Amino acid sequence: MKQQQERKSVPIISEQYAFVNTKWNGEPMQNGTPYFWLGEFCEKHDLPFYGLHSFRHLFASLLVNQGVDIVTVSGALGHSTVSTTSNIYCHMLEESRAKVSDAVSSALNFRTNKNEPKGT
């Protein structure tokens, strides 16, 4: 019976280089490699290619639309100041505030026309 060979585990984040994107052996990969892979994936699946940075904006947009506070969004994005985040996503924050206002109004059952019967 053959003994099983020990497999070395390669960390996702290389301790030696401290890079997130590494080759199978832990060395840093070229900067353009993930970008290239995404481009190939989009082409193969007939999807538009907007680049990797668009995922960052998507992430932030999803958080803001779900009502996550701007300080938490800023921290998740790694911005050094909250003002950076609010400057970039201020239009989304305004839309989010409008949704909050609509939700409160709906919850309190405010009607625009006071003569309008309840429940309509």
N, C-alpha and C. Protein backbone atom coordinates (compact mmCIF):
# COMPACT_ATOMS: atom_id res chain seq x y z
N MET A 1 0.84 -1.17 0.00
CA MET A 1 0.00 0.00 0.00
C MET A 1 0.88 1.24 0.00
N LYS A 2 0.64 2.11 -0.93
CA LYS A 2 1.44 3.33 -1.05
C LYS A 2 1.04 4.33 0.02
N GLN A 3 2.05 5.01 0.55
CA GLN A 3 1.75 6.07 1.49
C GLN A 3 1.34 7.31 0.71
N GLN A 4 0.40 8.03 1.28
CA GLN A 4 -0.02 9.28 0.63
C GLN A 4 1.07 10.32 0.82
N GLN A 5 1.36 11.02 -0.26
CA GLN A 5 2.35 12.09 -0.18
C GLN A 5 1.73 13.29 0.51
N GLU A 6 2.54 13.95 1.33
CA GLU A 6 2.07 15.17 1.98
C GLU A 6 1.96 16.26 0.95
N ARG A 7 0.84 16.98 0.99
CA ARG A 7 0.65 18.10 0.08
C ARG A 7 0.94 19.38 0.84
N LYS A 8 1.71 20.24 0.23
CA LYS A 8 1.95 21.54 0.81
C LYS A 8 0.75 22.42 0.53
N SER A 9 0.31 23.11 1.54
CA SER A 9 -0.78 24.05 1.29
C SER A 9 -0.17 25.41 0.96
N VAL A 10 -0.69 25.99 -0.09
CA VAL A 10 -0.23 27.31 -0.52
C VAL A 10 -1.23 28.33 -0.03
N PRO A 11 -0.76 29.30 0.75
CA PRO A 11 -1.70 30.30 1.27
C PRO A 11 -2.28 31.16 0.15
N ILE A 12 -3.51 31.58 0.34
CA ILE A 12 -4.12 32.48 -0.64
C ILE A 12 -3.38 33.81 -0.64
N ILE A 13 -3.02 34.28 0.54
CA ILE A 13 -2.23 35.50 0.64
C ILE A 13 -0.82 35.10 1.03
N SER A 14 0.10 35.37 0.18
CA SER A 14 1.49 34.98 0.42
C SER A 14 2.07 35.77 1.58
N GLU A 15 2.61 35.06 2.57
CA GLU A 15 3.24 35.73 3.70
C GLU A 15 4.53 36.43 3.27
N GLN A 16 5.21 35.83 2.31
CA GLN A 16 6.48 36.40 1.87
C GLN A 16 6.27 37.72 1.13
N TYR A 17 5.25 37.77 0.29
CA TYR A 17 5.04 38.94 -0.55
C TYR A 17 3.86 39.80 -0.09
N ALA A 18 2.95 39.23 0.67
CA ALA A 18 1.74 39.92 1.14
C ALA A 18 0.89 40.45 -0.01
N PHE A 19 0.75 39.64 -1.05
CA PHE A 19 -0.12 39.96 -2.19
C PHE A 19 -1.37 39.10 -2.11
N VAL A 20 -2.49 39.65 -2.53
CA VAL A 20 -3.71 38.87 -2.57
C VAL A 20 -3.70 37.94 -3.78
N ASN A 21 -3.29 38.45 -4.93
CA ASN A 21 -3.26 37.66 -6.16
C ASN A 21 -1.87 37.04 -6.33
N THR A 22 -1.82 35.73 -6.09
CA THR A 22 -0.55 35.03 -6.20
C THR A 22 -0.67 33.86 -7.16
N LYS A 23 0.48 33.42 -7.64
CA LYS A 23 0.54 32.21 -8.45
C LYS A 23 0.35 31.02 -7.54
N TRP A 24 0.26 29.84 -8.12
CA TRP A 24 0.06 28.62 -7.35
C TRP A 24 1.17 28.40 -6.33
N ASN A 25 2.37 28.93 -6.59
CA ASN A 25 3.50 28.72 -5.69
C ASN A 25 3.67 29.85 -4.67
N GLY A 26 2.73 30.80 -4.64
CA GLY A 26 2.78 31.86 -3.66
C GLY A 26 3.48 33.13 -4.12
N GLU A 27 4.12 33.09 -5.27
CA GLU A 27 4.79 34.28 -5.79
C GLU A 27 3.74 35.23 -6.36
N PRO A 28 4.06 36.53 -6.40
CA PRO A 28 3.07 37.47 -6.95
C PRO A 28 2.87 37.24 -8.44
N MET A 29 1.62 37.36 -8.88
CA MET A 29 1.36 37.26 -10.32
C MET A 29 1.45 38.65 -10.93
N GLN A 30 1.54 38.70 -12.22
CA GLN A 30 1.60 39.98 -12.91
C GLN A 30 0.31 40.74 -12.66
N ASN A 31 0.43 42.06 -12.56
CA ASN A 31 -0.73 42.90 -12.26
C ASN A 31 -1.89 42.70 -13.21
N GLY A 32 -1.62 42.49 -14.48
CA GLY A 32 -2.68 42.40 -15.48
C GLY A 32 -3.35 41.05 -15.57
N THR A 33 -2.86 40.04 -14.85
CA THR A 33 -3.41 38.69 -15.00
C THR A 33 -4.88 38.59 -14.63
N PRO A 34 -5.33 39.06 -13.45
CA PRO A 34 -6.77 38.96 -13.15
C PRO A 34 -7.62 39.74 -14.17
N TYR A 35 -7.12 40.89 -14.60
CA TYR A 35 -7.81 41.70 -15.61
C TYR A 35 -7.96 40.91 -16.90
N PHE A 36 -6.89 40.23 -17.31
CA PHE A 36 -6.90 39.42 -18.52
C PHE A 36 -7.89 38.26 -18.38
N TRP A 37 -7.88 37.58 -17.23
CA TRP A 37 -8.81 36.47 -17.00
C TRP A 37 -10.26 36.92 -17.08
N LEU A 38 -10.55 38.06 -16.47
CA LEU A 38 -11.92 38.57 -16.51
C LEU A 38 -12.32 38.92 -17.95
N GLY A 39 -11.42 39.52 -18.70
CA GLY A 39 -11.68 39.84 -20.10
C GLY A 39 -11.99 38.59 -20.91
N GLU A 40 -11.21 37.53 -20.70
CA GLU A 40 -11.46 36.27 -21.40
C GLU A 40 -12.82 35.68 -21.02
N PHE A 41 -13.13 35.73 -19.71
CA PHE A 41 -14.40 35.21 -19.23
C PHE A 41 -15.58 35.94 -19.87
N CYS A 42 -15.50 37.26 -19.89
CA CYS A 42 -16.57 38.07 -20.48
C CYS A 42 -16.72 37.78 -21.97
N GLU A 43 -15.62 37.66 -22.65
CA GLU A 43 -15.66 37.36 -24.09
C GLU A 43 -16.28 35.99 -24.34
N LYS A 44 -15.87 35.00 -23.56
CA LYS A 44 -16.37 33.63 -23.71
C LYS A 44 -17.88 33.56 -23.47
N HIS A 45 -18.38 34.37 -22.54
CA HIS A 45 -19.79 34.33 -22.18
C HIS A 45 -20.60 35.48 -22.76
N ASP A 46 -20.01 36.17 -23.73
CA ASP A 46 -20.67 37.26 -24.44
C ASP A 46 -21.22 38.32 -23.47
N LEU A 47 -20.37 38.72 -22.52
CA LEU A 47 -20.73 39.75 -21.54
C LEU A 47 -19.91 41.00 -21.80
N PRO A 48 -20.45 42.16 -21.48
CA PRO A 48 -19.66 43.39 -21.62
C PRO A 48 -18.53 43.40 -20.60
N PHE A 49 -17.40 43.96 -20.97
CA PHE A 49 -16.25 44.01 -20.07
C PHE A 49 -15.99 45.44 -19.64
N TYR A 50 -16.12 45.69 -18.36
CA TYR A 50 -15.91 47.03 -17.82
C TYR A 50 -14.67 47.14 -16.95
N GLY A 51 -14.00 46.04 -16.71
CA GLY A 51 -12.79 46.06 -15.89
C GLY A 51 -13.07 45.65 -14.46
N LEU A 52 -12.00 45.39 -13.73
CA LEU A 52 -12.12 44.93 -12.36
C LEU A 52 -12.62 46.00 -11.40
N HIS A 53 -12.28 47.24 -11.67
CA HIS A 53 -12.64 48.32 -10.75
C HIS A 53 -14.16 48.50 -10.66
N SER A 54 -14.86 48.10 -11.70
CA SER A 54 -16.32 48.22 -11.68
C SER A 54 -16.93 47.34 -10.60
N PHE A 55 -16.25 46.24 -10.24
CA PHE A 55 -16.75 45.39 -9.15
C PHE A 55 -16.69 46.13 -7.81
N ARG A 56 -15.70 46.97 -7.65
CA ARG A 56 -15.57 47.78 -6.44
C ARG A 56 -16.76 48.73 -6.32
N HIS A 57 -17.11 49.37 -7.44
CA HIS A 57 -18.25 50.28 -7.44
C HIS A 57 -19.56 49.51 -7.24
N LEU A 58 -19.65 48.34 -7.83
CA LEU A 58 -20.84 47.51 -7.64
C LEU A 58 -20.99 47.16 -6.16
N PHE A 59 -19.89 46.74 -5.53
CA PHE A 59 -19.89 46.38 -4.12
C PHE A 59 -20.39 47.54 -3.27
N ALA A 60 -19.82 48.72 -3.49
CA ALA A 60 -20.22 49.91 -2.72
C ALA A 60 -21.68 50.26 -2.99
N SER A 61 -22.10 50.19 -4.23
CA SER A 61 -23.47 50.53 -4.60
C SER A 61 -24.47 49.59 -3.94
N LEU A 62 -24.15 48.31 -3.92
CA LEU A 62 -25.04 47.34 -3.28
C LEU A 62 -25.17 47.63 -1.79
N LEU A 63 -24.06 47.96 -1.15
CA LEU A 63 -24.10 48.28 0.27
C LEU A 63 -24.95 49.51 0.54
N VAL A 64 -24.73 50.57 -0.22
CA VAL A 64 -25.49 51.81 -0.04
C VAL A 64 -26.97 51.56 -0.27
N ASN A 65 -27.30 50.83 -1.33
CA ASN A 65 -28.71 50.55 -1.65
C ASN A 65 -29.39 49.69 -0.59
N GLN A 66 -28.61 48.92 0.15
CA GLN A 66 -29.19 48.10 1.21
C GLN A 66 -29.25 48.84 2.54
N GLY A 67 -28.86 50.13 2.52
CA GLY A 67 -28.98 50.94 3.71
C GLY A 67 -27.81 50.86 4.67
N VAL A 68 -26.69 50.30 4.24
CA VAL A 68 -25.51 50.23 5.10
C VAL A 68 -24.98 51.66 5.26
N ASP A 69 -24.63 52.02 6.49
CA ASP A 69 -24.20 53.39 6.74
C ASP A 69 -22.87 53.68 6.04
N ILE A 70 -22.65 54.96 5.74
CA ILE A 70 -21.51 55.39 4.94
C ILE A 70 -20.18 55.11 5.63
N VAL A 71 -20.15 55.13 6.95
CA VAL A 71 -18.91 54.84 7.67
C VAL A 71 -18.51 53.38 7.45
N THR A 72 -19.47 52.48 7.50
CA THR A 72 -19.19 51.07 7.27
C THR A 72 -18.77 50.82 5.83
N VAL A 73 -19.46 51.46 4.88
CA VAL A 73 -19.10 51.33 3.46
C VAL A 73 -17.68 51.83 3.25
N SER A 74 -17.36 52.96 3.84
CA SER A 74 -16.03 53.54 3.70
C SER A 74 -14.96 52.59 4.23
N GLY A 75 -15.22 51.99 5.38
CA GLY A 75 -14.28 51.03 5.95
C GLY A 75 -14.12 49.80 5.08
N ALA A 76 -15.22 49.30 4.52
CA ALA A 76 -15.17 48.12 3.66
C ALA A 76 -14.37 48.39 2.39
N LEU A 77 -14.43 49.63 1.91
CA LEU A 77 -13.68 50.00 0.70
C LEU A 77 -12.22 50.35 1.00
N GLY A 78 -11.92 50.56 2.27
CA GLY A 78 -10.55 50.90 2.65
C GLY A 78 -10.20 52.36 2.44
N HIS A 79 -11.21 53.21 2.35
CA HIS A 79 -10.94 54.64 2.20
C HIS A 79 -10.39 55.19 3.51
N SER A 80 -9.43 56.11 3.40
CA SER A 80 -8.81 56.67 4.61
C SER A 80 -9.74 57.65 5.31
N THR A 81 -10.65 58.26 4.57
CA THR A 81 -11.62 59.16 5.19
C THR A 81 -13.02 58.87 4.65
N VAL A 82 -14.02 59.09 5.49
CA VAL A 82 -15.41 58.88 5.09
C VAL A 82 -15.80 59.88 4.01
N SER A 83 -15.19 61.07 4.03
CA SER A 83 -15.54 62.08 3.03
C SER A 83 -15.21 61.61 1.61
N THR A 84 -14.17 60.81 1.47
CA THR A 84 -13.84 60.26 0.14
C THR A 84 -15.00 59.42 -0.37
N THR A 85 -15.50 58.56 0.48
CA THR A 85 -16.62 57.68 0.10
C THR A 85 -17.87 58.50 -0.19
N SER A 86 -18.18 59.45 0.68
CA SER A 86 -19.40 60.23 0.47
C SER A 86 -19.31 61.11 -0.77
N ASN A 87 -18.12 61.59 -1.10
CA ASN A 87 -17.96 62.38 -2.33
C ASN A 87 -18.19 61.53 -3.58
N ILE A 88 -17.70 60.31 -3.55
CA ILE A 88 -17.83 59.43 -4.72
C ILE A 88 -19.26 58.92 -4.87
N TYR A 89 -19.90 58.59 -3.75
CA TYR A 89 -21.20 57.94 -3.80
C TYR A 89 -22.34 58.85 -3.31
N CYS A 90 -22.13 60.18 -3.32
CA CYS A 90 -23.15 61.10 -2.79
C CYS A 90 -24.48 60.97 -3.54
N HIS A 91 -24.44 60.76 -4.85
CA HIS A 91 -25.70 60.63 -5.60
C HIS A 91 -26.48 59.40 -5.14
N MET A 92 -25.77 58.34 -4.80
CA MET A 92 -26.44 57.14 -4.32
C MET A 92 -26.99 57.33 -2.92
N LEU A 93 -26.27 58.09 -2.11
CA LEU A 93 -26.74 58.36 -0.75
C LEU A 93 -28.04 59.14 -0.79
N GLU A 94 -28.14 60.10 -1.72
CA GLU A 94 -29.38 60.87 -1.86
C GLU A 94 -30.54 59.98 -2.27
N GLU A 95 -30.27 59.06 -3.21
CA GLU A 95 -31.31 58.13 -3.64
C GLU A 95 -31.73 57.22 -2.48
N SER A 96 -30.74 56.80 -1.69
CA SER A 96 -31.02 55.94 -0.55
C SER A 96 -31.85 56.67 0.49
N ARG A 97 -31.54 57.96 0.72
CA ARG A 97 -32.33 58.76 1.66
C ARG A 97 -33.77 58.90 1.18
N ALA A 98 -33.95 59.06 -0.12
CA ALA A 98 -35.30 59.17 -0.68
C ALA A 98 -36.07 57.87 -0.45
N LYS A 99 -35.41 56.74 -0.58
CA LYS A 99 -36.06 55.45 -0.32
C LYS A 99 -36.47 55.34 1.14
N VAL A 100 -35.61 55.83 2.04
CA VAL A 100 -35.92 55.79 3.47
C VAL A 100 -37.17 56.62 3.74
N SER A 101 -37.21 57.80 3.15
CA SER A 101 -38.36 58.69 3.33
C SER A 101 -39.64 58.03 2.82
N ASP A 102 -39.56 57.40 1.65
CA ASP A 102 -40.72 56.71 1.09
C ASP A 102 -41.15 55.55 1.98
N ALA A 103 -40.18 54.83 2.53
CA ALA A 103 -40.50 53.68 3.39
C ALA A 103 -41.20 54.14 4.67
N VAL A 104 -40.71 55.22 5.27
CA VAL A 104 -41.33 55.74 6.49
C VAL A 104 -42.74 56.23 6.18
N SER A 105 -42.88 56.95 5.08
CA SER A 105 -44.18 57.46 4.67
C SER A 105 -45.16 56.31 4.45
N SER A 106 -44.70 55.27 3.80
CA SER A 106 -45.54 54.11 3.54
C SER A 106 -45.91 53.40 4.84
N ALA A 107 -44.94 53.28 5.73
CA ALA A 107 -45.20 52.60 7.00
C ALA A 107 -46.21 53.36 7.85
N LEU A 108 -46.18 54.68 7.76
CA LEU A 108 -47.13 55.50 8.52
C LEU A 108 -48.43 55.73 7.77
N ASN A 109 -48.49 55.20 6.54
CA ASN A 109 -49.68 55.27 5.70
C ASN A 109 -50.10 56.71 5.41
N PHE A 110 -49.14 57.57 5.12
CA PHE A 110 -49.47 58.94 4.72
C PHE A 110 -50.07 58.90 3.32
N ARG A 111 -51.09 59.68 3.13
CA ARG A 111 -51.72 59.77 1.82
C ARG A 111 -51.51 61.18 1.30
N THR A 112 -51.32 61.30 0.00
CA THR A 112 -51.14 62.63 -0.58
C THR A 112 -52.45 63.40 -0.59
N ASN A 113 -53.56 62.72 -0.76
CA ASN A 113 -54.87 63.36 -0.79
C ASN A 113 -55.63 62.94 0.47
N LYS A 114 -55.91 63.88 1.36
CA LYS A 114 -56.58 63.56 2.63
C LYS A 114 -58.00 63.03 2.41
N ASN A 115 -58.62 63.34 1.26
CA ASN A 115 -59.96 62.87 0.98
C ASN A 115 -59.96 61.45 0.41
N GLU A 116 -58.79 60.98 0.13
CA GLU A 116 -58.65 59.63 -0.44
C GLU A 116 -59.01 58.61 0.63
N PRO A 117 -59.84 57.62 0.30
CA PRO A 117 -60.20 56.61 1.30
C PRO A 117 -58.99 55.77 1.73
N LYS A 118 -58.97 55.28 2.96
CA LYS A 118 -57.86 54.44 3.46
C LYS A 118 -57.76 53.19 2.62
N GLY A 119 -56.51 52.72 2.51
CA GLY A 119 -56.27 51.47 1.81
C GLY A 119 -56.10 51.62 0.31
N THR A 120 -56.07 52.83 -0.21
CA THR A 120 -55.89 52.98 -1.66
C THR A 120 -54.55 53.59 -1.95
